[in-house]
């Protein structure tokens, strides 16, 4: 049971920070009565961070660093995070 919990926690963490995934599509054709690989296409997809997974992790850890921040501190943190997201997006474009 502990192993399942650890696997789920790892999956939520991965979703919270984002990840890249490879997708492979293969096309087969018949050649001399045998199936042969004609074409293989590998695509790399970037999955962005998921805010609901971040929230879930924070609730699980019991650590909410934002609960004690003032409105001004929250606004500054929001601007900092938005700037980081824009920088990441510009790197991938």
PDB file of N, CA and C in Angstrom:
ATOM      1  N   UNK A   1       0.823  -1.195   0.000  1.00  0.00           N
ATOM      2  CA  UNK A   1       0.000   0.000   0.000  1.00  0.00           C
ATOM      3  C   UNK A   1       0.871   1.264   0.000  1.00  0.00           C
ATOM      4  N   UNK A   2       1.981   1.214   0.728  1.00  0.00           N
ATOM      5  CA  UNK A   2       2.910   2.348   0.795  1.00  0.00           C
ATOM      6  C   UNK A   2       3.485   2.655  -0.583  1.00  0.00           C
ATOM      7  N   UNK A   3       3.754   1.603  -1.360  1.00  0.00           N
ATOM      8  CA  UNK A   3       4.317   1.783  -2.697  1.00  0.00           C
ATOM      9  C   UNK A   3       3.344   2.524  -3.607  1.00  0.00           C
ATOM     10  N   UNK A   4       2.065   2.189  -3.513  1.00  0.00           N
ATOM     11  CA  UNK A   4       1.043   2.865  -4.316  1.00  0.00           C
ATOM     12  C   UNK A   4       0.984   4.338  -3.931  1.00  0.00           C
ATOM     13  N   UNK A   5       1.020   4.615  -2.633  1.00  0.00           N
ATOM     14  CA  UNK A   5       0.989   5.999  -2.159  1.00  0.00           C
ATOM     15  C   UNK A   5       2.181   6.777  -2.709  1.00  0.00           C
ATOM     16  N   UNK A   6       3.370   6.185  -2.667  1.00  0.00           N
ATOM     17  CA  UNK A   6       4.572   6.846  -3.184  1.00  0.00           C
ATOM     18  C   UNK A   6       4.462   7.095  -4.684  1.00  0.00           C
ATOM     19  N   UNK A   7       3.924   6.116  -5.421  1.00  0.00           N
ATOM     20  CA  UNK A   7       3.750   6.277  -6.864  1.00  0.00           C
ATOM     21  C   UNK A   7       2.787   7.425  -7.175  1.00  0.00           C
ATOM     22  N   UNK A   8       1.700   7.501  -6.423  1.00  0.00           N
ATOM     23  CA  UNK A   8       0.729   8.579  -6.632  1.00  0.00           C
ATOM     24  C   UNK A   8       1.336   9.939  -6.304  1.00  0.00           C
ATOM     25  N   UNK A   9       2.088   9.997  -5.227  1.00  0.00           N
ATOM     26  CA  UNK A   9       2.728  11.239  -4.837  1.00  0.00           C
ATOM     27  C   UNK A   9       3.725  11.686  -5.910  1.00  0.00           C
ATOM     28  N   UNK A  10       4.481  10.762  -6.462  1.00  0.00           N
ATOM     29  CA  UNK A  10       5.433  11.088  -7.536  1.00  0.00           C
ATOM     30  C   UNK A  10       4.685  11.601  -8.775  1.00  0.00           C
ATOM     31  N   UNK A  11       3.557  10.982  -9.089  1.00  0.00           N
ATOM     32  CA  UNK A  11       2.767  11.397 -10.252  1.00  0.00           C
ATOM     33  C   UNK A  11       2.215  12.809 -10.060  1.00  0.00           C
ATOM     34  N   UNK A  12       1.741  13.118  -8.863  1.00  0.00           N
ATOM     35  CA  UNK A  12       1.213  14.456  -8.589  1.00  0.00           C
ATOM     36  C   UNK A  12       2.337  15.486  -8.646  1.00  0.00           C
ATOM     37  N   UNK A  13       3.489  15.151  -8.114  1.00  0.00           N
ATOM     38  CA  UNK A  13       4.639  16.067  -8.171  1.00  0.00           C
ATOM     39  C   UNK A  13       5.037  16.338  -9.620  1.00  0.00           C
ATOM     40  N   UNK A  14       5.072  15.287 -10.423  1.00  0.00           N
ATOM     41  CA  UNK A  14       5.442  15.427 -11.831  1.00  0.00           C
ATOM     42  C   UNK A  14       4.463  16.360 -12.543  1.00  0.00           C
ATOM     43  N   UNK A  15       3.179  16.176 -12.274  1.00  0.00           N
ATOM     44  CA  UNK A  15       2.158  17.014 -12.896  1.00  0.00           C
ATOM     45  C   UNK A  15       2.247  18.455 -12.392  1.00  0.00           C
ATOM     46  N   UNK A  16       2.628  18.620 -11.138  1.00  0.00           N
ATOM     47  CA  UNK A  16       2.718  19.958 -10.549  1.00  0.00           C
ATOM     48  C   UNK A  16       3.834  20.794 -11.171  1.00  0.00           C
ATOM     49  N   UNK A  17       4.934  20.168 -11.535  1.00  0.00           N
ATOM     50  CA  UNK A  17       6.066  20.923 -12.088  1.00  0.00           C
ATOM     51  C   UNK A  17       6.109  20.902 -13.615  1.00  0.00           C
ATOM     52  N   UNK A  18       5.310  20.040 -14.235  1.00  0.00           N
ATOM     53  CA  UNK A  18       5.318  19.917 -15.685  1.00  0.00           C
ATOM     54  C   UNK A  18       6.382  18.917 -16.132  1.00  0.00           C
ATOM     55  N   UNK A  19       6.253  18.453 -17.354  1.00  0.00           N
ATOM     56  CA  UNK A  19       7.183  17.446 -17.859  1.00  0.00           C
ATOM     57  C   UNK A  19       7.088  17.378 -19.375  1.00  0.00           C
ATOM     58  N   UNK A  20       8.023  16.662 -19.977  1.00  0.00           N
ATOM     59  CA  UNK A  20       7.954  16.397 -21.411  1.00  0.00           C
ATOM     60  C   UNK A  20       7.690  14.906 -21.608  1.00  0.00           C
ATOM     61  N   UNK A  21       6.981  14.607 -22.665  1.00  0.00           N
ATOM     62  CA  UNK A  21       6.639  13.214 -22.947  1.00  0.00           C
ATOM     63  C   UNK A  21       6.844  12.938 -24.433  1.00  0.00           C
ATOM     64  N   UNK A  22       7.344  11.768 -24.730  1.00  0.00           N
ATOM     65  CA  UNK A  22       7.508  11.347 -26.124  1.00  0.00           C
ATOM     66  C   UNK A  22       6.329  10.494 -26.539  1.00  0.00           C
ATOM     67  N   UNK A  23       5.858  10.749 -27.747  1.00  0.00           N
ATOM     68  CA  UNK A  23       4.757   9.963 -28.299  1.00  0.00           C
ATOM     69  C   UNK A  23       5.233   9.366 -29.616  1.00  0.00           C
ATOM     70  N   UNK A  24       5.077   8.066 -29.759  1.00  0.00           N
ATOM     71  CA  UNK A  24       5.547   7.369 -30.946  1.00  0.00           C
ATOM     72  C   UNK A  24       4.347   6.822 -31.723  1.00  0.00           C
ATOM     73  N   UNK A  25       4.280   7.164 -33.015  1.00  0.00           N
ATOM     74  CA  UNK A  25       3.231   6.667 -33.899  1.00  0.00           C
ATOM     75  C   UNK A  25       3.911   5.867 -35.001  1.00  0.00           C
ATOM     76  N   UNK A  26       3.476   4.624 -35.178  1.00  0.00           N
ATOM     77  CA  UNK A  26       4.078   3.758 -36.190  1.00  0.00           C
ATOM     78  C   UNK A  26       3.030   3.345 -37.209  1.00  0.00           C
ATOM     79  N   UNK A  27       3.422   3.345 -38.489  1.00  0.00           N
ATOM     80  CA  UNK A  27       2.549   2.884 -39.564  1.00  0.00           C
ATOM     81  C   UNK A  27       3.151   1.615 -40.158  1.00  0.00           C
ATOM     82  N   UNK A  28       2.307   0.621 -40.343  1.00  0.00           N
ATOM     83  CA  UNK A  28       2.746  -0.646 -40.912  1.00  0.00           C
ATOM     84  C   UNK A  28       2.063  -0.882 -42.247  1.00  0.00           C
ATOM     85  N   UNK A  29       2.753  -1.574 -43.111  1.00  0.00           N
ATOM     86  CA  UNK A  29       2.194  -1.964 -44.401  1.00  0.00           C
ATOM     87  C   UNK A  29       2.507  -3.422 -44.659  1.00  0.00           C
ATOM     88  N   UNK A  30       1.829  -3.970 -45.657  1.00  0.00           N
ATOM     89  CA  UNK A  30       2.044  -5.368 -46.005  1.00  0.00           C
ATOM     90  C   UNK A  30       3.037  -5.423 -47.172  1.00  0.00           C
ATOM     91  N   UNK A  31       4.115  -6.181 -46.968  1.00  0.00           N
ATOM     92  CA  UNK A  31       5.136  -6.338 -47.992  1.00  0.00           C
ATOM     93  C   UNK A  31       5.449  -7.822 -48.085  1.00  0.00           C
ATOM     94  N   UNK A  32       5.181  -8.418 -49.234  1.00  0.00           N
ATOM     95  CA  UNK A  32       5.375  -9.853 -49.445  1.00  0.00           C
ATOM     96  C   UNK A  32       4.613 -10.676 -48.406  1.00  0.00           C
ATOM     97  N   UNK A  33       3.400 -10.224 -48.085  1.00  0.00           N
ATOM     98  CA  UNK A  33       2.568 -10.974 -47.138  1.00  0.00           C
ATOM     99  C   UNK A  33       2.951 -10.792 -45.682  1.00  0.00           C
ATOM    100  N   UNK A  34       3.915  -9.926 -45.401  1.00  0.00           N
ATOM    101  CA  UNK A  34       4.351  -9.698 -44.008  1.00  0.00           C
ATOM    102  C   UNK A  34       4.135  -8.231 -43.635  1.00  0.00           C
ATOM    103  N   UNK A  35       3.773  -8.021 -42.394  1.00  0.00           N
ATOM    104  CA  UNK A  35       3.666  -6.656 -41.900  1.00  0.00           C
ATOM    105  C   UNK A  35       5.062  -6.092 -41.672  1.00  0.00           C
ATOM    106  N   UNK A  36       5.301  -4.920 -42.242  1.00  0.00           N
ATOM    107  CA  UNK A  36       6.598  -4.269 -42.043  1.00  0.00           C
ATOM    108  C   UNK A  36       6.370  -2.815 -41.648  1.00  0.00           C
ATOM    109  N   UNK A  37       7.277  -2.325 -40.864  1.00  0.00           N
ATOM    110  CA  UNK A  37       7.207  -0.947 -40.413  1.00  0.00           C
ATOM    111  C   UNK A  37       7.553  -0.024 -41.587  1.00  0.00           C
ATOM    112  N   UNK A  38       6.623   0.854 -41.920  1.00  0.00           N
ATOM    113  CA  UNK A  38       6.845   1.785 -43.034  1.00  0.00           C
ATOM    114  C   UNK A  38       7.299   3.151 -42.546  1.00  0.00           C
ATOM    115  N   UNK A  39       6.731   3.584 -41.438  1.00  0.00           N
ATOM    116  CA  UNK A  39       6.989   4.943 -40.991  1.00  0.00           C
ATOM    117  C   UNK A  39       6.873   5.009 -39.473  1.00  0.00           C
ATOM    118  N   UNK A  40       7.793   5.741 -38.855  1.00  0.00           N
ATOM    119  CA  UNK A  40       7.747   5.948 -37.407  1.00  0.00           C
ATOM    120  C   UNK A  40       7.929   7.438 -37.156  1.00  0.00           C
ATOM    121  N   UNK A  41       7.009   8.012 -36.386  1.00  0.00           N
ATOM    122  CA  UNK A  41       7.085   9.436 -36.067  1.00  0.00           C
ATOM    123  C   UNK A  41       7.115   9.583 -34.551  1.00  0.00           C
ATOM    124  N   UNK A  42       8.154  10.258 -34.050  1.00  0.00           N
ATOM    125  CA  UNK A  42       8.280  10.492 -32.611  1.00  0.00           C
ATOM    126  C   UNK A  42       8.099  11.985 -32.372  1.00  0.00           C
ATOM    127  N   UNK A  43       7.149  12.304 -31.515  1.00  0.00           N
ATOM    128  CA  UNK A  43       6.835  13.686 -31.185  1.00  0.00           C
ATOM    129  C   UNK A  43       7.107  13.906 -29.705  1.00  0.00           C
ATOM    130  N   UNK A  44       7.743  15.033 -29.382  1.00  0.00           N
ATOM    131  CA  UNK A  44       7.984  15.388 -27.986  1.00  0.00           C
ATOM    132  C   UNK A  44       6.963  16.459 -27.612  1.00  0.00           C
ATOM    133  N   UNK A  45       6.190  16.163 -26.578  1.00  0.00           N
ATOM    134  CA  UNK A  45       5.168  17.098 -26.118  1.00  0.00           C
ATOM    135  C   UNK A  45       5.555  17.637 -24.752  1.00  0.00           C
ATOM    136  N   UNK A  46       5.370  18.933 -24.584  1.00  0.00           N
ATOM    137  CA  UNK A  46       5.638  19.565 -23.299  1.00  0.00           C
ATOM    138  C   UNK A  46       4.319  19.741 -22.566  1.00  0.00           C
ATOM    139  N   UNK A  47       4.233  19.168 -21.380  1.00  0.00           N
ATOM    140  CA  UNK A  47       3.038  19.290 -20.548  1.00  0.00           C
ATOM    141  C   UNK A  47       3.337  20.354 -19.489  1.00  0.00           C
ATOM    142  N   UNK A  48       2.566  21.452 -19.484  1.00  0.00           N
ATOM    143  CA  UNK A  48       2.863  22.540 -18.549  1.00  0.00           C
ATOM    144  C   UNK A  48       2.490  22.171 -17.120  1.00  0.00           C
ATOM    145  N   UNK A  49       3.023  22.919 -16.142  1.00  0.00           N
ATOM    146  CA  UNK A  49       2.652  22.683 -14.741  1.00  0.00           C
ATOM    147  C   UNK A  49       1.146  22.848 -14.552  1.00  0.00           C
ATOM    148  N   UNK A  50       0.606  22.073 -13.625  1.00  0.00           N
ATOM    149  CA  UNK A  50      -0.828  22.086 -13.364  1.00  0.00           C
ATOM    150  C   UNK A  50      -1.072  22.681 -11.970  1.00  0.00           C
ATOM    151  N   UNK A  51      -1.822  23.777 -11.918  1.00  0.00           N
ATOM    152  CA  UNK A  51      -2.039  24.471 -10.649  1.00  0.00           C
ATOM    153  C   UNK A  51      -2.837  23.656  -9.644  1.00  0.00           C
ATOM    154  N   UNK A  52      -3.769  22.844 -10.111  1.00  0.00           N
ATOM    155  CA  UNK A  52      -4.536  22.022  -9.163  1.00  0.00           C
ATOM    156  C   UNK A  52      -3.635  20.977  -8.508  1.00  0.00           C
ATOM    157  N   UNK A  53      -2.646  20.474  -9.238  1.00  0.00           N
ATOM    158  CA  UNK A  53      -1.691  19.526  -8.639  1.00  0.00           C
ATOM    159  C   UNK A  53      -0.800  20.236  -7.622  1.00  0.00           C
ATOM    160  N   UNK A  54      -0.418  21.471  -7.916  1.00  0.00           N
ATOM    161  CA  UNK A  54       0.378  22.255  -6.965  1.00  0.00           C
ATOM    162  C   UNK A  54      -0.412  22.457  -5.686  1.00  0.00           C
ATOM    163  N   UNK A  55      -1.675  22.831  -5.846  1.00  0.00           N
ATOM    164  CA  UNK A  55      -2.536  23.053  -4.679  1.00  0.00           C
ATOM    165  C   UNK A  55      -2.688  21.772  -3.862  1.00  0.00           C
ATOM    166  N   UNK A  56      -2.878  20.649  -4.540  1.00  0.00           N
ATOM    167  CA  UNK A  56      -3.023  19.372  -3.852  1.00  0.00           C
ATOM    168  C   UNK A  56      -1.763  19.038  -3.050  1.00  0.00           C
ATOM    169  N   UNK A  57      -0.601  19.253  -3.653  1.00  0.00           N
ATOM    170  CA  UNK A  57       0.657  18.987  -2.943  1.00  0.00           C
ATOM    171  C   UNK A  57       0.795  19.878  -1.714  1.00  0.00           C
ATOM    172  N   UNK A  58       0.430  21.129  -1.866  1.00  0.00           N
ATOM    173  CA  UNK A  58       0.532  22.053  -0.738  1.00  0.00           C
ATOM    174  C   UNK A  58      -0.399  21.626   0.396  1.00  0.00           C
ATOM    175  N   UNK A  59      -1.585  21.173   0.048  1.00  0.00           N
ATOM    176  CA  UNK A  59      -2.529  20.711   1.072  1.00  0.00           C
ATOM    177  C   UNK A  59      -2.025  19.439   1.743  1.00  0.00           C
ATOM    178  N   UNK A  60      -1.422  18.554   0.952  1.00  0.00           N
ATOM    179  CA  UNK A  60      -0.909  17.303   1.507  1.00  0.00           C
ATOM    180  C   UNK A  60       0.246  17.559   2.460  1.00  0.00           C
ATOM    181  N   UNK A  61       1.112  18.518   2.100  1.00  0.00           N
ATOM    182  CA  UNK A  61       2.264  18.835   2.932  1.00  0.00           C
ATOM    183  C   UNK A  61       1.880  19.695   4.128  1.00  0.00           C
ATOM    184  N   UNK A  62       0.699  20.287   4.065  1.00  0.00           N
ATOM    185  CA  UNK A  62       0.288  21.172   5.145  1.00  0.00           C
ATOM    186  C   UNK A  62       1.068  22.472   5.145  1.00  0.00           C
ATOM    187  N   UNK A  63       1.731  22.750   4.044  1.00  0.00           N
ATOM    188  CA  UNK A  63       2.553  23.959   3.961  1.00  0.00           C
ATOM    189  C   UNK A  63       1.922  24.933   2.982  1.00  0.00           C
ATOM    190  N   UNK A  64       1.382  25.990   3.498  1.00  0.00           N
ATOM    191  CA  UNK A  64       0.822  27.033   2.657  1.00  0.00           C
ATOM    192  C   UNK A  64       1.560  28.328   2.964  1.00  0.00           C
ATOM    193  N   UNK A  65       2.634  28.612   2.227  1.00  0.00           N
ATOM    194  CA  UNK A  65       3.443  29.798   2.526  1.00  0.00           C
ATOM    195  C   UNK A  65       2.695  31.102   2.287  1.00  0.00           C
ATOM    196  N   UNK A  66       1.580  31.042   1.567  1.00  0.00           N
ATOM    197  CA  UNK A  66       0.855  32.254   1.213  1.00  0.00           C
ATOM    198  C   UNK A  66      -0.159  32.677   2.274  1.00  0.00           C
ATOM    199  N   UNK A  67      -0.487  31.806   3.183  1.00  0.00           N
ATOM    200  CA  UNK A  67      -1.530  32.116   4.162  1.00  0.00           C
ATOM    201  C   UNK A  67      -1.142  33.261   5.097  1.00  0.00           C
ATOM    202  N   UNK A  68       0.139  33.470   5.309  1.00  0.00           N
ATOM    203  CA  UNK A  68       0.586  34.509   6.242  1.00  0.00           C
ATOM    204  C   UNK A  68       1.074  35.766   5.534  1.00  0.00           C
ATOM    205  N   UNK A  69       0.931  35.811   4.207  1.00  0.00           N
ATOM    206  CA  UNK A  69       1.408  36.971   3.452  1.00  0.00           C
ATOM    207  C   UNK A  69       0.366  38.084   3.450  1.00  0.00           C
ATOM    208  N   UNK A  70       0.857  39.324   3.403  1.00  0.00           N
ATOM    209  CA  UNK A  70      -0.034  40.479   3.281  1.00  0.00           C
ATOM    210  C   UNK A  70      -0.500  40.578   1.825  1.00  0.00           C
ATOM    211  N   UNK A  71      -1.462  41.455   1.574  1.00  0.00           N
ATOM    212  CA  UNK A  71      -1.954  41.655   0.212  1.00  0.00           C
ATOM    213  C   UNK A  71      -0.825  42.121  -0.708  1.00  0.00           C
ATOM    214  N   UNK A  72       0.019  42.996  -0.203  1.00  0.00           N
ATOM    215  CA  UNK A  72       1.138  43.502  -1.002  1.00  0.00           C
ATOM    216  C   UNK A  72       2.130  42.380  -1.327  1.00  0.00           C
ATOM    217  N   UNK A  73       2.438  41.548  -0.345  1.00  0.00           N
ATOM    218  CA  UNK A  73       3.354  40.422  -0.570  1.00  0.00           C
ATOM    219  C   UNK A  73       2.766  39.433  -1.566  1.00  0.00           C
ATOM    220  N   UNK A  74       1.450  39.198  -1.466  1.00  0.00           N
ATOM    221  CA  UNK A  74       0.791  38.289  -2.415  1.00  0.00           C
ATOM    222  C   UNK A  74       0.848  38.855  -3.833  1.00  0.00           C
ATOM    223  N   UNK A  75       0.634  40.141  -3.960  1.00  0.00           N
ATOM    224  CA  UNK A  75       0.693  40.779  -5.278  1.00  0.00           C
ATOM    225  C   UNK A  75       2.102  40.679  -5.863  1.00  0.00           C
ATOM    226  N   UNK A  76       3.115  40.903  -5.045  1.00  0.00           N
ATOM    227  CA  UNK A  76       4.502  40.785  -5.498  1.00  0.00           C
ATOM    228  C   UNK A  76       4.830  39.355  -5.919  1.00  0.00           C
ATOM    229  N   UNK A  77       4.353  38.394  -5.158  1.00  0.00           N
ATOM    230  CA  UNK A  77       4.589  36.977  -5.486  1.00  0.00           C
ATOM    231  C   UNK A  77       3.889  36.604  -6.781  1.00  0.00           C
ATOM    232  N   UNK A  78       2.669  37.090  -6.957  1.00  0.00           N
ATOM    233  CA  UNK A  78       1.925  36.829  -8.192  1.00  0.00           C
ATOM    234  C   UNK A  78       2.706  37.368  -9.388  1.00  0.00           C
ATOM    235  N   UNK A  79       3.195  38.596  -9.281  1.00  0.00           N
ATOM    236  CA  UNK A  79       3.958  39.196 -10.381  1.00  0.00           C
ATOM    237  C   UNK A  79       5.238  38.422 -10.660  1.00  0.00           C
ATOM    238  N   UNK A  80       5.901  37.954  -9.614  1.00  0.00           N
ATOM    239  CA  UNK A  80       7.121  37.172  -9.771  1.00  0.00           C
ATOM    240  C   UNK A  80       6.834  35.864 -10.518  1.00  0.00           C
ATOM    241  N   UNK A  81       5.761  35.189 -10.124  1.00  0.00           N
ATOM    242  CA  UNK A  81       5.405  33.919 -10.765  1.00  0.00           C
ATOM    243  C   UNK A  81       4.969  34.125 -12.202  1.00  0.00           C
ATOM    244  N   UNK A  82       4.220  35.186 -12.472  1.00  0.00           N
ATOM    245  CA  UNK A  82       3.809  35.468 -13.847  1.00  0.00           C
ATOM    246  C   UNK A  82       5.024  35.747 -14.730  1.00  0.00           C
ATOM    247  N   UNK A  83       6.006  36.466 -14.183  1.00  0.00           N
ATOM    248  CA  UNK A  83       7.235  36.738 -14.920  1.00  0.00           C
ATOM    249  C   UNK A  83       7.975  35.438 -15.239  1.00  0.00           C
ATOM    250  N   UNK A  84       8.051  34.526 -14.250  1.00  0.00           N
ATOM    251  CA  UNK A  84       8.704  33.229 -14.482  1.00  0.00           C
ATOM    252  C   UNK A  84       7.981  32.427 -15.557  1.00  0.00           C
ATOM    253  N   UNK A  85       6.643  32.437 -15.520  1.00  0.00           N
ATOM    254  CA  UNK A  85       5.873  31.709 -16.532  1.00  0.00           C
ATOM    255  C   UNK A  85       6.120  32.275 -17.930  1.00  0.00           C
ATOM    256  N   UNK A  86       6.167  33.594 -18.044  1.00  0.00           N
ATOM    257  CA  UNK A  86       6.436  34.214 -19.353  1.00  0.00           C
ATOM    258  C   UNK A  86       7.824  33.843 -19.850  1.00  0.00           C
ATOM    259  N   UNK A  87       8.812  33.838 -18.945  1.00  0.00           N
ATOM    260  CA  UNK A  87      10.173  33.464 -19.346  1.00  0.00           C
ATOM    261  C   UNK A  87      10.216  32.023 -19.825  1.00  0.00           C
ATOM    262  N   UNK A  88       9.534  31.127 -19.117  1.00  0.00           N
ATOM    263  CA  UNK A  88       9.491  29.721 -19.526  1.00  0.00           C
ATOM    264  C   UNK A  88       8.806  29.573 -20.875  1.00  0.00           C
ATOM    265  N   UNK A  89       7.710  30.315 -21.055  1.00  0.00           N
ATOM    266  CA  UNK A  89       6.978  30.228 -22.308  1.00  0.00           C
ATOM    267  C   UNK A  89       7.838  30.740 -23.461  1.00  0.00           C
ATOM    268  N   UNK A  90       8.590  31.801 -23.236  1.00  0.00           N
ATOM    269  CA  UNK A  90       9.467  32.334 -24.283  1.00  0.00           C
ATOM    270  C   UNK A  90      10.578  31.351 -24.628  1.00  0.00           C
ATOM    271  N   UNK A  91      11.044  30.570 -23.640  1.00  0.00           N
ATOM    272  CA  UNK A  91      12.077  29.559 -23.901  1.00  0.00           C
ATOM    273  C   UNK A  91      11.558  28.458 -24.802  1.00  0.00           C
ATOM    274  N   UNK A  92      10.282  28.090 -24.657  1.00  0.00           N
ATOM    275  CA  UNK A  92       9.723  26.983 -25.428  1.00  0.00           C
ATOM    276  C   UNK A  92       9.214  27.422 -26.801  1.00  0.00           C
ATOM    277  N   UNK A  93       9.007  28.730 -26.990  1.00  0.00           N
ATOM    278  CA  UNK A  93       8.490  29.221 -28.296  1.00  0.00           C
ATOM    279  C   UNK A  93       9.561  29.297 -29.328  1.00  0.00           C
TER     280      UNK A  93
END
